[in-house]
């Protein structure tokens, strides 16, 4: 995850939006992800997939950090 964040910063992005698996929520939160929404799974009925946002700005630029 750190490598992906570094690459995204290098390319000029200031955030990552990730559709995750419900069982990986702890992982995305530990990487700085904030749950911003959910989405119905297209392949599994009655399953909601979490959507996370990770702020890639440096902490002095980040109003949350």
N, C-alpha and C. Protein backbone atom coordinates (compact mmCIF):
# COMPACT_ATOMS: atom_id res chain seq x y z
N UNK A 1 0.83 -1.18 0.00
CA UNK A 1 0.00 0.00 0.00
C UNK A 1 0.87 1.25 0.00
N UNK A 2 1.96 1.21 0.75
CA UNK A 2 2.86 2.37 0.79
C UNK A 2 3.40 2.69 -0.60
N UNK A 3 3.78 1.66 -1.33
CA UNK A 3 4.31 1.87 -2.69
C UNK A 3 3.24 2.50 -3.58
N UNK A 4 2.03 2.03 -3.50
CA UNK A 4 0.93 2.60 -4.31
C UNK A 4 0.70 4.06 -3.95
N UNK A 5 0.76 4.39 -2.68
CA UNK A 5 0.58 5.77 -2.25
C UNK A 5 1.72 6.65 -2.76
N UNK A 6 2.95 6.16 -2.68
CA UNK A 6 4.10 6.92 -3.17
C UNK A 6 4.00 7.15 -4.68
N UNK A 7 3.62 6.13 -5.41
CA UNK A 7 3.48 6.26 -6.87
C UNK A 7 2.38 7.25 -7.23
N UNK A 8 1.28 7.19 -6.52
CA UNK A 8 0.17 8.12 -6.79
C UNK A 8 0.61 9.56 -6.52
N UNK A 9 1.33 9.78 -5.41
CA UNK A 9 1.86 11.12 -5.11
C UNK A 9 2.80 11.58 -6.22
N UNK A 10 3.69 10.69 -6.65
CA UNK A 10 4.66 11.01 -7.70
C UNK A 10 3.94 11.43 -8.99
N UNK A 11 2.80 10.83 -9.26
CA UNK A 11 2.02 11.15 -10.46
C UNK A 11 1.15 12.40 -10.27
N UNK A 12 1.17 12.98 -9.08
CA UNK A 12 0.46 14.23 -8.84
C UNK A 12 -0.92 14.09 -8.21
N UNK A 13 -1.29 12.89 -7.81
CA UNK A 13 -2.60 12.71 -7.17
C UNK A 13 -2.53 13.13 -5.71
N UNK A 14 -3.65 13.63 -5.19
CA UNK A 14 -3.68 14.00 -3.77
C UNK A 14 -4.62 13.11 -2.96
N UNK A 15 -5.23 12.13 -3.62
CA UNK A 15 -6.06 11.17 -2.89
C UNK A 15 -6.19 9.88 -3.70
N UNK A 16 -6.49 8.80 -2.98
CA UNK A 16 -6.80 7.52 -3.60
C UNK A 16 -8.20 7.15 -3.16
N UNK A 17 -9.02 6.71 -4.09
CA UNK A 17 -10.35 6.20 -3.77
C UNK A 17 -10.34 4.72 -4.12
N UNK A 18 -10.67 3.90 -3.14
CA UNK A 18 -10.53 2.45 -3.27
C UNK A 18 -11.85 1.77 -2.94
N UNK A 19 -12.30 0.90 -3.83
CA UNK A 19 -13.42 0.02 -3.51
C UNK A 19 -12.81 -1.24 -2.91
N UNK A 20 -13.11 -1.50 -1.66
CA UNK A 20 -12.49 -2.61 -0.97
C UNK A 20 -13.46 -3.75 -0.69
N UNK A 21 -12.91 -4.78 -0.12
CA UNK A 21 -13.70 -5.92 0.34
C UNK A 21 -14.09 -5.64 1.80
N UNK A 22 -15.31 -5.97 2.19
CA UNK A 22 -15.71 -5.73 3.58
C UNK A 22 -14.76 -6.37 4.59
N UNK A 23 -14.17 -7.50 4.25
CA UNK A 23 -13.26 -8.18 5.17
C UNK A 23 -11.90 -7.51 5.27
N UNK A 24 -11.61 -6.55 4.40
CA UNK A 24 -10.33 -5.84 4.41
C UNK A 24 -10.45 -4.44 4.99
N UNK A 25 -11.57 -4.14 5.62
CA UNK A 25 -11.79 -2.79 6.14
C UNK A 25 -10.69 -2.38 7.11
N UNK A 26 -10.28 -3.24 7.99
CA UNK A 26 -9.22 -2.91 8.96
C UNK A 26 -7.92 -2.54 8.24
N UNK A 27 -7.59 -3.26 7.18
CA UNK A 27 -6.39 -2.97 6.40
C UNK A 27 -6.43 -1.57 5.81
N UNK A 28 -7.53 -1.22 5.15
CA UNK A 28 -7.62 0.10 4.52
C UNK A 28 -7.64 1.22 5.55
N UNK A 29 -8.29 0.99 6.67
CA UNK A 29 -8.30 2.00 7.73
C UNK A 29 -6.89 2.19 8.29
N UNK A 30 -6.14 1.10 8.45
CA UNK A 30 -4.77 1.21 8.98
C UNK A 30 -3.85 1.95 8.01
N UNK A 31 -4.21 1.98 6.72
CA UNK A 31 -3.44 2.71 5.71
C UNK A 31 -3.90 4.16 5.60
N UNK A 32 -4.81 4.57 6.48
CA UNK A 32 -5.29 5.95 6.47
C UNK A 32 -6.61 6.14 5.75
N UNK A 33 -7.23 5.05 5.35
CA UNK A 33 -8.48 5.14 4.61
C UNK A 33 -9.66 5.55 5.48
N UNK A 34 -10.47 6.43 4.95
CA UNK A 34 -11.71 6.83 5.60
C UNK A 34 -12.86 6.27 4.78
N UNK A 35 -13.80 5.63 5.43
CA UNK A 35 -14.97 5.10 4.74
C UNK A 35 -15.83 6.27 4.27
N UNK A 36 -16.03 6.38 2.96
CA UNK A 36 -16.80 7.51 2.43
C UNK A 36 -18.13 7.08 1.83
N UNK A 37 -18.28 5.79 1.53
CA UNK A 37 -19.52 5.33 0.91
C UNK A 37 -19.51 3.81 0.85
N UNK A 38 -20.60 3.25 0.35
CA UNK A 38 -20.65 1.83 0.03
C UNK A 38 -21.31 1.68 -1.34
N UNK A 39 -21.14 0.52 -1.90
CA UNK A 39 -21.69 0.24 -3.22
C UNK A 39 -22.18 -1.21 -3.24
N UNK A 40 -23.31 -1.43 -3.88
CA UNK A 40 -23.82 -2.80 -3.99
C UNK A 40 -22.90 -3.61 -4.90
N UNK A 41 -22.62 -4.82 -4.49
CA UNK A 41 -21.80 -5.72 -5.30
C UNK A 41 -22.57 -6.11 -6.55
N UNK A 42 -21.89 -6.11 -7.68
CA UNK A 42 -22.52 -6.52 -8.94
C UNK A 42 -22.58 -8.03 -9.06
N UNK A 43 -21.78 -8.74 -8.27
CA UNK A 43 -21.70 -10.19 -8.44
C UNK A 43 -22.28 -10.99 -7.27
N UNK A 44 -22.40 -10.37 -6.10
CA UNK A 44 -22.91 -11.09 -4.93
C UNK A 44 -24.13 -10.35 -4.40
N UNK A 45 -25.31 -10.97 -4.47
CA UNK A 45 -26.53 -10.31 -3.99
C UNK A 45 -26.43 -9.96 -2.50
N UNK A 46 -27.03 -8.85 -2.13
CA UNK A 46 -27.11 -8.38 -0.74
C UNK A 46 -25.75 -8.13 -0.10
N UNK A 47 -24.76 -7.80 -0.91
CA UNK A 47 -23.42 -7.50 -0.38
C UNK A 47 -23.07 -6.05 -0.69
N UNK A 48 -22.65 -5.32 0.32
CA UNK A 48 -22.22 -3.94 0.18
C UNK A 48 -20.70 -3.88 0.22
N UNK A 49 -20.11 -3.17 -0.72
CA UNK A 49 -18.66 -3.01 -0.78
C UNK A 49 -18.29 -1.62 -0.28
N UNK A 50 -17.36 -1.54 0.65
CA UNK A 50 -16.96 -0.23 1.18
C UNK A 50 -16.10 0.54 0.19
N UNK A 51 -16.25 1.85 0.19
CA UNK A 51 -15.43 2.75 -0.62
C UNK A 51 -14.63 3.61 0.37
N UNK A 52 -13.31 3.59 0.21
CA UNK A 52 -12.42 4.33 1.10
C UNK A 52 -11.71 5.44 0.33
N UNK A 53 -11.37 6.49 1.05
CA UNK A 53 -10.56 7.57 0.49
C UNK A 53 -9.32 7.71 1.38
N UNK A 54 -8.16 7.74 0.74
CA UNK A 54 -6.90 7.96 1.44
C UNK A 54 -6.34 9.29 0.97
N UNK A 55 -6.14 10.21 1.90
CA UNK A 55 -5.58 11.53 1.60
C UNK A 55 -4.07 11.37 1.44
N UNK A 56 -3.54 11.76 0.30
CA UNK A 56 -2.12 11.60 0.01
C UNK A 56 -1.29 12.85 0.27
N UNK A 57 -1.93 13.93 0.68
CA UNK A 57 -1.18 15.15 0.96
C UNK A 57 -0.29 14.94 2.17
N UNK A 58 0.84 15.62 2.18
CA UNK A 58 1.75 15.55 3.33
C UNK A 58 1.03 16.11 4.55
N UNK A 59 1.42 15.69 5.73
CA UNK A 59 0.67 16.05 6.95
C UNK A 59 0.57 17.56 7.16
N UNK A 60 1.57 18.35 6.73
CA UNK A 60 1.46 19.79 6.92
C UNK A 60 0.47 20.42 5.95
N UNK A 61 0.12 19.70 4.87
CA UNK A 61 -0.89 20.17 3.92
C UNK A 61 -2.26 19.60 4.24
N UNK A 62 -2.30 18.56 5.05
CA UNK A 62 -3.51 17.80 5.32
C UNK A 62 -4.26 18.42 6.50
N UNK A 63 -5.43 18.98 6.27
CA UNK A 63 -6.19 19.58 7.37
C UNK A 63 -6.66 18.56 8.39
N UNK A 64 -6.66 17.26 8.02
CA UNK A 64 -7.11 16.21 8.94
C UNK A 64 -5.95 15.63 9.74
N UNK A 65 -4.71 15.87 9.32
CA UNK A 65 -3.61 15.18 9.94
C UNK A 65 -2.57 16.04 10.50
